[in-house]
N, C-alpha and C. Protein backbone atom coordinates (compact mmCIF):
# COMPACT_ATOMS: atom_id res chain seq x y z
N MET A 1 -78.20 205.79 247.82
CA MET A 1 -76.97 205.84 247.07
C MET A 1 -76.03 206.93 247.62
N ALA A 2 -76.59 208.08 247.95
CA ALA A 2 -75.79 209.18 248.45
C ALA A 2 -75.13 208.82 249.78
N ALA A 3 -75.79 207.97 250.57
CA ALA A 3 -75.22 207.57 251.87
C ALA A 3 -74.03 206.64 251.69
N VAL A 4 -73.96 205.95 250.57
CA VAL A 4 -72.88 205.00 250.31
C VAL A 4 -71.61 205.72 249.81
N MET A 5 -71.78 206.82 249.13
CA MET A 5 -70.65 207.52 248.51
C MET A 5 -69.53 207.89 249.48
N PRO A 6 -69.83 208.40 250.69
CA PRO A 6 -68.72 208.72 251.61
C PRO A 6 -67.88 207.49 251.96
N PHE A 7 -68.54 206.32 252.09
CA PHE A 7 -67.81 205.09 252.40
C PHE A 7 -66.92 204.67 251.23
N VAL A 8 -67.40 204.86 250.01
CA VAL A 8 -66.60 204.53 248.83
C VAL A 8 -65.34 205.40 248.80
N PHE A 9 -65.52 206.71 249.02
CA PHE A 9 -64.38 207.61 249.00
C PHE A 9 -63.42 207.32 250.16
N MET A 10 -63.95 206.97 251.33
CA MET A 10 -63.10 206.61 252.46
C MET A 10 -62.29 205.36 252.13
N GLY A 11 -62.95 204.38 251.49
CA GLY A 11 -62.26 203.14 251.11
C GLY A 11 -61.16 203.41 250.09
N LEU A 12 -61.43 204.25 249.11
CA LEU A 12 -60.43 204.60 248.11
C LEU A 12 -59.27 205.36 248.75
N GLY A 13 -59.58 206.25 249.68
CA GLY A 13 -58.54 206.99 250.39
C GLY A 13 -57.65 206.08 251.21
N ALA A 14 -58.27 205.13 251.90
CA ALA A 14 -57.50 204.17 252.70
C ALA A 14 -56.62 203.31 251.80
N LEU A 15 -57.16 202.88 250.66
CA LEU A 15 -56.40 202.09 249.71
C LEU A 15 -55.20 202.88 249.18
N ALA A 16 -55.40 204.14 248.85
CA ALA A 16 -54.31 204.99 248.37
C ALA A 16 -53.25 205.17 249.45
N LEU A 17 -53.67 205.31 250.70
CA LEU A 17 -52.73 205.48 251.80
C LEU A 17 -51.88 204.22 251.99
N VAL A 18 -52.52 203.05 251.96
CA VAL A 18 -51.80 201.79 252.10
C VAL A 18 -50.84 201.60 250.94
N ARG A 19 -51.31 201.89 249.73
CA ARG A 19 -50.45 201.74 248.54
C ARG A 19 -49.25 202.68 248.62
N GLY A 20 -49.48 203.90 249.09
CA GLY A 20 -48.39 204.86 249.22
C GLY A 20 -47.38 204.45 250.27
N ALA A 21 -47.85 203.86 251.37
CA ALA A 21 -46.97 203.46 252.45
C ALA A 21 -46.22 202.17 252.11
N PHE A 22 -46.88 201.27 251.37
CA PHE A 22 -46.26 200.00 251.02
C PHE A 22 -46.30 199.83 249.51
N ARG A 23 -45.26 200.30 248.87
CA ARG A 23 -45.15 200.17 247.42
C ARG A 23 -43.79 199.56 247.13
N PRO A 24 -43.72 198.23 247.10
CA PRO A 24 -42.41 197.61 246.90
C PRO A 24 -41.84 197.95 245.53
N HIS A 25 -40.53 198.10 245.50
CA HIS A 25 -39.85 198.38 244.24
C HIS A 25 -39.94 197.16 243.34
N ARG A 26 -40.21 197.38 242.07
CA ARG A 26 -40.36 196.30 241.10
C ARG A 26 -39.16 196.28 240.16
N ALA A 27 -37.96 196.42 240.73
CA ALA A 27 -36.74 196.44 239.95
C ALA A 27 -35.57 195.96 240.81
N ILE A 28 -34.45 195.66 240.15
CA ILE A 28 -33.24 195.23 240.86
C ILE A 28 -32.58 196.42 241.56
N LEU A 29 -32.48 197.54 240.82
CA LEU A 29 -31.77 198.71 241.32
C LEU A 29 -32.61 199.97 241.18
N LYS A 30 -32.31 200.95 242.00
CA LYS A 30 -33.03 202.23 241.96
C LYS A 30 -32.77 202.99 240.66
N GLU A 31 -31.50 203.00 240.19
CA GLU A 31 -31.18 203.67 238.94
C GLU A 31 -29.97 203.03 238.29
N GLY A 32 -29.83 203.26 236.98
CA GLY A 32 -28.71 202.73 236.23
C GLY A 32 -29.14 202.37 234.82
N THR A 33 -28.28 201.64 234.13
CA THR A 33 -28.58 201.21 232.77
C THR A 33 -27.90 199.87 232.51
N VAL A 34 -28.53 199.04 231.70
CA VAL A 34 -27.95 197.74 231.36
C VAL A 34 -26.73 197.98 230.48
N SER A 35 -25.58 197.49 230.92
CA SER A 35 -24.35 197.65 230.13
C SER A 35 -24.07 196.40 229.30
N ARG A 36 -24.64 195.25 229.69
CA ARG A 36 -24.46 194.00 228.96
C ARG A 36 -25.60 193.05 229.26
N CYS A 37 -26.14 192.46 228.20
CA CYS A 37 -27.17 191.43 228.36
C CYS A 37 -26.48 190.07 228.47
N GLY A 38 -27.13 189.12 229.12
CA GLY A 38 -26.58 187.78 229.21
C GLY A 38 -26.32 187.21 227.83
N GLY A 39 -25.24 186.42 227.70
CA GLY A 39 -24.90 185.83 226.41
C GLY A 39 -23.43 185.53 226.33
N PRO A 40 -22.93 185.22 225.12
CA PRO A 40 -21.52 184.89 224.98
C PRO A 40 -20.63 186.12 225.19
N ASN A 41 -19.52 185.92 225.91
CA ASN A 41 -18.57 187.02 226.12
C ASN A 41 -17.60 187.07 224.94
N GLN A 42 -16.52 187.83 225.06
CA GLN A 42 -15.57 187.99 223.96
C GLN A 42 -14.87 186.68 223.60
N PHE A 43 -14.86 185.69 224.52
CA PHE A 43 -14.26 184.39 224.25
C PHE A 43 -15.31 183.35 223.82
N LEU A 44 -16.53 183.83 223.56
CA LEU A 44 -17.68 183.00 223.16
C LEU A 44 -18.09 182.01 224.24
N VAL A 45 -17.78 182.34 225.48
CA VAL A 45 -18.21 181.55 226.63
C VAL A 45 -19.42 182.25 227.24
N CYS A 46 -20.41 181.49 227.65
CA CYS A 46 -21.65 182.07 228.17
C CYS A 46 -21.44 182.77 229.51
N ASP A 47 -21.93 183.99 229.60
CA ASP A 47 -22.09 184.69 230.86
C ASP A 47 -23.59 184.96 230.95
N PRO A 48 -24.34 184.19 231.74
CA PRO A 48 -25.80 184.29 231.74
C PRO A 48 -26.38 185.49 232.49
N THR A 49 -25.51 186.32 233.06
CA THR A 49 -26.01 187.44 233.86
C THR A 49 -26.14 188.71 233.03
N ASP A 50 -27.08 189.55 233.44
CA ASP A 50 -27.20 190.90 232.88
C ASP A 50 -26.37 191.81 233.78
N ALA A 51 -25.55 192.68 233.17
CA ALA A 51 -24.73 193.63 233.94
C ALA A 51 -25.41 194.99 233.89
N ILE A 52 -25.49 195.64 235.03
CA ILE A 52 -26.16 196.93 235.14
C ILE A 52 -25.17 197.95 235.69
N GLY A 53 -24.89 198.98 234.90
CA GLY A 53 -24.05 200.06 235.37
C GLY A 53 -24.87 200.98 236.26
N THR A 54 -24.37 201.26 237.45
CA THR A 54 -25.11 202.08 238.40
C THR A 54 -24.13 202.80 239.32
N PRO A 55 -24.52 203.95 239.85
CA PRO A 55 -23.63 204.64 240.78
C PRO A 55 -23.39 203.82 242.06
N VAL A 56 -22.20 203.96 242.64
CA VAL A 56 -21.88 203.31 243.91
C VAL A 56 -22.90 203.77 244.96
N SER A 57 -23.30 202.86 245.81
CA SER A 57 -24.26 203.08 246.90
C SER A 57 -25.72 203.12 246.45
N THR A 58 -26.00 202.78 245.19
CA THR A 58 -27.39 202.69 244.73
C THR A 58 -28.05 201.50 245.43
N PRO A 59 -29.26 201.68 246.00
CA PRO A 59 -29.94 200.56 246.66
C PRO A 59 -30.28 199.43 245.68
N ALA A 60 -30.11 198.18 246.14
CA ALA A 60 -30.47 196.98 245.39
C ALA A 60 -31.61 196.30 246.12
N TYR A 61 -32.58 195.77 245.35
CA TYR A 61 -33.80 195.21 245.94
C TYR A 61 -34.01 193.75 245.56
N ALA A 62 -34.67 193.01 246.44
CA ALA A 62 -35.08 191.64 246.14
C ALA A 62 -36.20 191.70 245.12
N THR A 63 -36.13 190.86 244.10
CA THR A 63 -37.14 190.87 243.05
C THR A 63 -38.21 189.80 243.28
N ALA A 64 -38.15 189.13 244.42
CA ALA A 64 -39.14 188.11 244.76
C ALA A 64 -39.04 187.83 246.26
N PRO A 65 -40.10 187.29 246.86
CA PRO A 65 -39.96 186.85 248.25
C PRO A 65 -38.99 185.67 248.27
N ALA A 66 -38.02 185.71 249.19
CA ALA A 66 -36.96 184.70 249.12
C ALA A 66 -36.27 184.52 250.46
N LYS A 67 -35.48 183.45 250.52
CA LYS A 67 -34.59 183.21 251.66
C LYS A 67 -33.17 183.49 251.18
N VAL A 68 -32.41 184.21 251.98
CA VAL A 68 -31.01 184.49 251.66
C VAL A 68 -30.23 183.20 251.93
N VAL A 69 -29.63 182.63 250.87
CA VAL A 69 -28.93 181.35 251.03
C VAL A 69 -27.41 181.51 251.02
N ALA A 70 -26.90 182.64 250.55
CA ALA A 70 -25.45 182.88 250.57
C ALA A 70 -25.20 184.38 250.54
N VAL A 71 -24.20 184.80 251.31
CA VAL A 71 -23.81 186.21 251.37
C VAL A 71 -22.29 186.27 251.40
N GLY A 72 -21.73 187.19 250.63
CA GLY A 72 -20.29 187.42 250.64
C GLY A 72 -20.02 188.91 250.69
N GLU A 73 -18.78 189.30 250.56
CA GLU A 73 -18.44 190.72 250.62
C GLU A 73 -19.15 191.52 249.54
N ARG A 74 -19.33 190.89 248.35
CA ARG A 74 -19.91 191.62 247.22
C ARG A 74 -21.02 190.84 246.51
N PHE A 75 -21.67 189.93 247.20
CA PHE A 75 -22.75 189.19 246.53
C PHE A 75 -23.82 188.74 247.51
N VAL A 76 -25.00 188.47 246.94
CA VAL A 76 -26.12 187.88 247.67
C VAL A 76 -26.79 186.88 246.74
N HIS A 77 -27.09 185.68 247.27
CA HIS A 77 -27.83 184.67 246.52
C HIS A 77 -29.14 184.41 247.26
N LEU A 78 -30.24 184.37 246.51
CA LEU A 78 -31.56 184.17 247.09
C LEU A 78 -32.22 182.93 246.52
N ALA A 79 -32.94 182.19 247.36
CA ALA A 79 -33.79 181.09 246.92
C ALA A 79 -35.23 181.60 247.03
N VAL A 80 -35.89 181.74 245.90
CA VAL A 80 -37.25 182.28 245.88
C VAL A 80 -38.17 181.31 246.60
N THR A 81 -39.06 181.83 247.43
CA THR A 81 -39.91 180.96 248.26
C THR A 81 -41.19 180.50 247.57
N ASN A 82 -41.62 181.20 246.50
CA ASN A 82 -42.89 180.79 245.88
C ASN A 82 -42.72 180.15 244.51
N GLU A 83 -41.48 179.84 244.13
CA GLU A 83 -41.20 179.09 242.90
C GLU A 83 -39.78 178.55 242.97
N PRO A 84 -39.46 177.49 242.21
CA PRO A 84 -38.12 176.87 242.31
C PRO A 84 -37.07 177.65 241.52
N VAL A 85 -36.70 178.81 242.02
CA VAL A 85 -35.79 179.72 241.32
C VAL A 85 -34.73 180.24 242.29
N PHE A 86 -33.51 180.40 241.77
CA PHE A 86 -32.41 181.00 242.52
C PHE A 86 -31.98 182.28 241.81
N LEU A 87 -31.74 183.33 242.58
CA LEU A 87 -31.33 184.62 242.04
C LEU A 87 -29.94 184.96 242.55
N MET A 88 -29.10 185.51 241.66
CA MET A 88 -27.75 185.90 242.03
C MET A 88 -27.57 187.39 241.79
N TYR A 89 -27.15 188.09 242.82
CA TYR A 89 -26.78 189.50 242.73
C TYR A 89 -25.29 189.57 243.04
N GLU A 90 -24.51 190.12 242.12
CA GLU A 90 -23.08 190.26 242.35
C GLU A 90 -22.70 191.72 242.13
N GLY A 91 -21.84 192.24 243.00
CA GLY A 91 -21.45 193.64 242.91
C GLY A 91 -22.23 194.52 243.86
N ILE A 92 -22.76 193.90 244.93
CA ILE A 92 -23.47 194.67 245.95
C ILE A 92 -22.89 194.37 247.33
N GLU A 93 -22.90 195.39 248.18
CA GLU A 93 -22.53 195.21 249.57
C GLU A 93 -23.81 194.81 250.31
N PRO A 94 -23.88 193.60 250.85
CA PRO A 94 -25.12 193.10 251.45
C PRO A 94 -25.55 193.87 252.70
N SER A 95 -26.86 193.98 252.87
CA SER A 95 -27.43 194.49 254.13
C SER A 95 -28.33 193.42 254.74
N VAL A 96 -28.16 192.17 254.28
CA VAL A 96 -28.92 191.02 254.77
C VAL A 96 -27.93 189.97 255.24
N VAL A 97 -28.43 188.97 255.96
CA VAL A 97 -27.58 187.88 256.45
C VAL A 97 -28.13 186.55 255.96
N GLU A 98 -27.27 185.58 255.90
CA GLU A 98 -27.67 184.24 255.47
C GLU A 98 -28.76 183.70 256.39
N GLY A 99 -29.78 183.10 255.80
CA GLY A 99 -30.89 182.55 256.56
C GLY A 99 -32.07 183.51 256.72
N GLN A 100 -31.85 184.78 256.43
CA GLN A 100 -32.90 185.80 256.55
C GLN A 100 -33.91 185.65 255.40
N TYR A 101 -35.17 185.93 255.69
CA TYR A 101 -36.20 185.97 254.66
C TYR A 101 -36.43 187.42 254.26
N VAL A 102 -36.59 187.64 252.96
CA VAL A 102 -36.81 188.99 252.45
C VAL A 102 -38.07 189.00 251.59
N GLY A 103 -38.72 190.14 251.52
CA GLY A 103 -39.90 190.29 250.69
C GLY A 103 -39.55 190.98 249.38
N ARG A 104 -40.42 190.84 248.39
CA ARG A 104 -40.21 191.51 247.11
C ARG A 104 -40.17 193.01 247.34
N GLY A 105 -39.13 193.65 246.80
CA GLY A 105 -38.98 195.09 246.95
C GLY A 105 -38.19 195.50 248.17
N GLN A 106 -37.78 194.55 248.99
CA GLN A 106 -37.00 194.87 250.19
C GLN A 106 -35.55 195.12 249.80
N LYS A 107 -34.95 196.12 250.40
CA LYS A 107 -33.54 196.44 250.13
C LYS A 107 -32.67 195.31 250.68
N ILE A 108 -31.75 194.80 249.83
CA ILE A 108 -30.86 193.73 250.25
C ILE A 108 -29.39 194.17 250.27
N GLY A 109 -29.12 195.39 249.79
CA GLY A 109 -27.75 195.88 249.79
C GLY A 109 -27.61 197.13 248.95
N THR A 110 -26.35 197.55 248.75
CA THR A 110 -26.06 198.72 247.91
C THR A 110 -24.97 198.36 246.92
N ALA A 111 -25.04 198.97 245.75
CA ALA A 111 -24.08 198.69 244.68
C ALA A 111 -22.69 199.17 245.06
N THR A 112 -21.70 198.36 244.69
CA THR A 112 -20.30 198.74 244.87
C THR A 112 -19.68 199.12 243.53
N GLY A 113 -20.49 199.16 242.50
CA GLY A 113 -20.08 199.41 241.11
C GLY A 113 -21.10 198.72 240.24
N PRO A 114 -20.72 198.23 239.05
CA PRO A 114 -21.66 197.50 238.21
C PRO A 114 -22.22 196.28 238.95
N VAL A 115 -23.49 195.99 238.72
CA VAL A 115 -24.16 194.86 239.37
C VAL A 115 -24.51 193.82 238.32
N ALA A 116 -24.21 192.55 238.60
CA ALA A 116 -24.60 191.44 237.74
C ALA A 116 -25.78 190.73 238.38
N PHE A 117 -26.78 190.36 237.55
CA PHE A 117 -27.98 189.69 238.05
C PHE A 117 -28.24 188.48 237.17
N GLY A 118 -28.42 187.32 237.80
CA GLY A 118 -28.69 186.09 237.07
C GLY A 118 -29.82 185.29 237.70
N VAL A 119 -30.45 184.44 236.88
CA VAL A 119 -31.60 183.64 237.31
C VAL A 119 -31.40 182.19 236.88
N TRP A 120 -31.60 181.26 237.82
CA TRP A 120 -31.58 179.83 237.53
C TRP A 120 -32.86 179.23 238.09
N GLN A 121 -33.48 178.32 237.31
CA GLN A 121 -34.68 177.65 237.80
C GLN A 121 -34.46 176.14 237.81
N LEU A 122 -35.07 175.50 238.79
CA LEU A 122 -35.02 174.04 238.87
C LEU A 122 -36.07 173.46 237.95
N ALA A 123 -35.70 172.44 237.21
CA ALA A 123 -36.63 171.78 236.31
C ALA A 123 -36.49 170.27 236.49
N PRO A 124 -37.61 169.55 236.37
CA PRO A 124 -37.52 168.09 236.51
C PRO A 124 -36.78 167.48 235.31
N SER A 125 -36.08 166.39 235.57
CA SER A 125 -35.42 165.63 234.49
C SER A 125 -35.45 164.16 234.88
N ASP A 126 -35.02 163.31 233.97
CA ASP A 126 -35.01 161.87 234.25
C ASP A 126 -34.11 161.51 235.42
N LYS A 127 -33.09 162.32 235.66
CA LYS A 127 -32.12 162.05 236.72
C LYS A 127 -32.34 162.92 237.95
N GLY A 128 -33.53 163.46 238.11
CA GLY A 128 -33.83 164.32 239.25
C GLY A 128 -33.81 165.78 238.84
N PRO A 129 -34.07 166.69 239.79
CA PRO A 129 -34.12 168.12 239.46
C PRO A 129 -32.79 168.61 238.89
N LYS A 130 -32.88 169.52 237.94
CA LYS A 130 -31.71 170.05 237.26
C LYS A 130 -31.81 171.56 237.19
N MET A 131 -30.68 172.23 237.41
CA MET A 131 -30.65 173.69 237.31
C MET A 131 -30.59 174.09 235.84
N GLN A 132 -31.45 175.04 235.45
CA GLN A 132 -31.46 175.57 234.10
C GLN A 132 -31.31 177.08 234.17
N VAL A 133 -30.48 177.61 233.31
CA VAL A 133 -30.30 179.06 233.27
C VAL A 133 -31.38 179.65 232.35
N VAL A 134 -31.96 180.73 232.81
CA VAL A 134 -32.97 181.43 232.01
C VAL A 134 -32.52 182.88 231.83
N PRO A 135 -32.93 183.51 230.75
CA PRO A 135 -32.56 184.92 230.57
C PRO A 135 -33.15 185.76 231.71
N ALA A 136 -32.28 186.48 232.40
CA ALA A 136 -32.74 187.28 233.55
C ALA A 136 -33.82 188.26 233.14
N ALA A 137 -33.65 188.91 231.98
CA ALA A 137 -34.63 189.90 231.51
C ALA A 137 -35.99 189.26 231.26
N ALA A 138 -36.00 188.04 230.72
CA ALA A 138 -37.27 187.36 230.45
C ALA A 138 -37.96 186.98 231.75
N TRP A 139 -37.19 186.51 232.74
CA TRP A 139 -37.78 186.17 234.04
C TRP A 139 -38.37 187.42 234.68
N LEU A 140 -37.62 188.52 234.65
CA LEU A 140 -38.12 189.78 235.22
C LEU A 140 -39.40 190.22 234.52
N ALA A 141 -39.38 190.22 233.19
CA ALA A 141 -40.54 190.69 232.42
C ALA A 141 -41.78 189.86 232.71
N ALA A 142 -41.62 188.54 232.83
CA ALA A 142 -42.76 187.66 233.10
C ALA A 142 -43.40 187.95 234.45
N ARG A 143 -42.67 188.63 235.33
CA ARG A 143 -43.17 188.96 236.66
C ARG A 143 -43.44 190.46 236.84
N GLY A 144 -43.46 191.19 235.73
CA GLY A 144 -43.76 192.62 235.79
C GLY A 144 -42.64 193.43 236.41
N MET A 145 -41.41 192.93 236.32
CA MET A 145 -40.26 193.59 236.91
C MET A 145 -39.35 194.14 235.81
N LYS A 146 -38.37 194.94 236.22
CA LYS A 146 -37.38 195.45 235.29
C LYS A 146 -36.04 195.58 235.99
N HIS A 147 -35.02 195.93 235.22
CA HIS A 147 -33.67 196.05 235.78
C HIS A 147 -33.56 197.23 236.74
N VAL A 148 -34.05 198.39 236.33
CA VAL A 148 -33.90 199.61 237.12
C VAL A 148 -35.21 200.39 237.17
N ILE A 149 -35.39 201.13 238.26
CA ILE A 149 -36.56 202.00 238.38
C ILE A 149 -36.39 203.19 237.44
N LYS A 150 -35.21 203.81 237.50
CA LYS A 150 -34.92 204.98 236.66
C LYS A 150 -33.78 204.62 235.72
N ASN A 151 -34.10 204.45 234.43
CA ASN A 151 -33.08 204.09 233.45
C ASN A 151 -32.33 205.35 233.02
N THR A 152 -31.01 205.34 233.20
CA THR A 152 -30.19 206.50 232.87
C THR A 152 -29.44 206.34 231.55
N GLY A 153 -29.73 205.26 230.82
CA GLY A 153 -29.03 205.00 229.56
C GLY A 153 -29.96 204.99 228.37
N PRO A 154 -29.45 204.55 227.22
CA PRO A 154 -30.24 204.59 225.99
C PRO A 154 -31.31 203.50 225.88
N ALA A 155 -31.25 202.45 226.69
CA ALA A 155 -32.23 201.34 226.66
C ALA A 155 -32.33 200.76 225.25
N ASP A 156 -31.16 200.41 224.66
CA ASP A 156 -31.14 199.91 223.29
C ASP A 156 -30.71 198.44 223.17
N LYS A 157 -30.67 197.72 224.27
CA LYS A 157 -30.24 196.32 224.24
C LYS A 157 -31.46 195.40 224.25
N TRP A 158 -31.28 194.17 223.73
CA TRP A 158 -32.40 193.23 223.63
C TRP A 158 -33.01 192.92 224.98
N CYS A 159 -32.21 192.94 226.04
CA CYS A 159 -32.73 192.56 227.35
C CYS A 159 -33.46 193.71 228.05
N GLU A 160 -33.58 194.85 227.39
CA GLU A 160 -34.32 195.98 227.95
C GLU A 160 -35.66 196.17 227.23
N GLY A 161 -36.21 195.09 226.72
CA GLY A 161 -37.43 195.18 225.93
C GLY A 161 -38.71 195.39 226.69
N GLY A 162 -38.66 195.53 227.99
CA GLY A 162 -39.89 195.73 228.77
C GLY A 162 -40.73 194.47 228.79
N ARG A 163 -41.97 194.58 228.33
CA ARG A 163 -42.87 193.41 228.32
C ARG A 163 -42.70 192.55 227.08
N VAL A 164 -41.83 192.97 226.14
CA VAL A 164 -41.55 192.17 224.94
C VAL A 164 -40.05 191.89 224.91
N ILE A 165 -39.68 190.64 225.17
CA ILE A 165 -38.28 190.24 225.20
C ILE A 165 -38.04 189.25 224.05
N ARG A 166 -37.08 189.58 223.20
CA ARG A 166 -36.70 188.70 222.09
C ARG A 166 -35.24 188.28 222.29
N VAL A 167 -35.04 187.06 222.76
CA VAL A 167 -33.69 186.54 223.01
C VAL A 167 -33.10 186.12 221.67
N PRO A 168 -31.97 186.71 221.25
CA PRO A 168 -31.35 186.33 219.98
C PRO A 168 -30.94 184.86 219.96
N ALA A 169 -30.99 184.25 218.77
CA ALA A 169 -30.69 182.82 218.62
C ALA A 169 -29.27 182.50 219.08
N ASN A 170 -28.28 183.35 218.76
CA ASN A 170 -26.90 183.05 219.16
C ASN A 170 -26.74 183.10 220.68
N VAL A 171 -27.50 183.95 221.34
CA VAL A 171 -27.46 184.04 222.80
C VAL A 171 -28.09 182.79 223.42
N LYS A 172 -29.26 182.40 222.90
CA LYS A 172 -29.94 181.20 223.40
C LYS A 172 -29.04 179.98 223.24
N GLN A 173 -28.41 179.85 222.09
CA GLN A 173 -27.57 178.70 221.81
C GLN A 173 -26.31 178.70 222.67
N ALA A 174 -25.64 179.83 222.80
CA ALA A 174 -24.39 179.89 223.56
C ALA A 174 -24.60 179.56 225.03
N CYS A 175 -25.72 180.02 225.59
CA CYS A 175 -25.97 179.82 227.02
C CYS A 175 -26.91 178.67 227.33
N GLY A 176 -27.55 178.11 226.32
CA GLY A 176 -28.53 177.05 226.58
C GLY A 176 -29.72 177.58 227.36
N PHE A 177 -30.03 178.86 227.13
CA PHE A 177 -31.16 179.48 227.84
C PHE A 177 -32.44 178.70 227.61
N ARG A 178 -33.24 178.60 228.65
CA ARG A 178 -34.57 178.00 228.58
C ARG A 178 -35.61 179.09 228.85
N GLN A 179 -36.80 178.85 228.36
CA GLN A 179 -37.92 179.76 228.61
C GLN A 179 -38.19 179.78 230.12
N PRO A 180 -38.33 180.95 230.73
CA PRO A 180 -38.65 180.96 232.16
C PRO A 180 -40.08 180.46 232.38
N ASP A 181 -40.29 179.85 233.53
CA ASP A 181 -41.65 179.45 233.88
C ASP A 181 -42.50 180.71 233.94
N PRO A 182 -43.76 180.61 233.54
CA PRO A 182 -44.62 181.81 233.62
C PRO A 182 -44.91 182.17 235.07
N ALA A 183 -45.20 183.44 235.28
CA ALA A 183 -45.57 183.91 236.62
C ALA A 183 -46.95 183.36 236.95
N LYS A 184 -47.20 183.15 238.22
CA LYS A 184 -48.51 182.64 238.63
C LYS A 184 -49.60 183.69 238.44
N PHE A 185 -49.21 184.96 238.48
CA PHE A 185 -50.18 186.04 238.36
C PHE A 185 -49.54 187.18 237.59
N ALA A 186 -50.20 187.65 236.54
CA ALA A 186 -49.67 188.77 235.76
C ALA A 186 -50.81 189.70 235.38
N LEU A 187 -50.59 190.99 235.57
CA LEU A 187 -51.61 191.98 235.22
C LEU A 187 -51.59 192.34 233.75
N LEU A 188 -50.40 192.43 233.17
CA LEU A 188 -50.25 192.85 231.79
C LEU A 188 -49.65 191.73 230.96
N PRO A 189 -50.02 191.66 229.66
CA PRO A 189 -49.46 190.61 228.82
C PRO A 189 -47.96 190.81 228.60
N VAL A 190 -47.23 189.69 228.53
CA VAL A 190 -45.80 189.70 228.30
C VAL A 190 -45.50 188.75 227.16
N GLN A 191 -44.61 189.16 226.26
CA GLN A 191 -44.24 188.33 225.13
C GLN A 191 -42.74 188.02 225.22
N ILE A 192 -42.42 186.72 225.32
CA ILE A 192 -41.02 186.30 225.40
C ILE A 192 -40.77 185.36 224.23
N GLU A 193 -39.85 185.75 223.34
CA GLU A 193 -39.50 184.93 222.18
C GLU A 193 -38.07 184.45 222.33
N MET A 194 -37.89 183.15 222.25
CA MET A 194 -36.55 182.56 222.36
C MET A 194 -36.06 182.24 220.96
N GLY A 195 -35.10 183.05 220.45
CA GLY A 195 -34.56 182.97 219.08
C GLY A 195 -34.17 181.66 218.57
């Protein structure tokens, strides 16, 4: 038994070294606070994106392995490679190009001011695949992700519930939000309630 112990400690040390060297960010932005959750705007029209107030030049990260399908001066759109989902980042200066593949946690740009983040998933229907909008916070939570690594605000909005997301009924109705597909693998339990 004593002869095995050095190998166990060496294995744990190597694991810690690998984890320290490769620890992908599990958030959209390095720092900031949610300024608006997806839902009806002042004209009662749905805006399905979550808005995050963050300092200019804050790094923005891919929240899933994906292919970059569109890039503009202030936006990046990603097609997730391991599920039928599209992600929209608006308000970032891209550091990626169209056609590029990115990994979860990889930097895709820097904030130019507030950042909007939205999630759409493909779902089967009688007339072929159909795009459905899902609450961005619920999709993030189901995958162990969050809006920001360092929250600089009060964290008092429904979409900042962490592993427990309760989408208000008026928000679900205004946007036609659907429950996000569950993640294929989750370490911690997540509760998503659609009002």
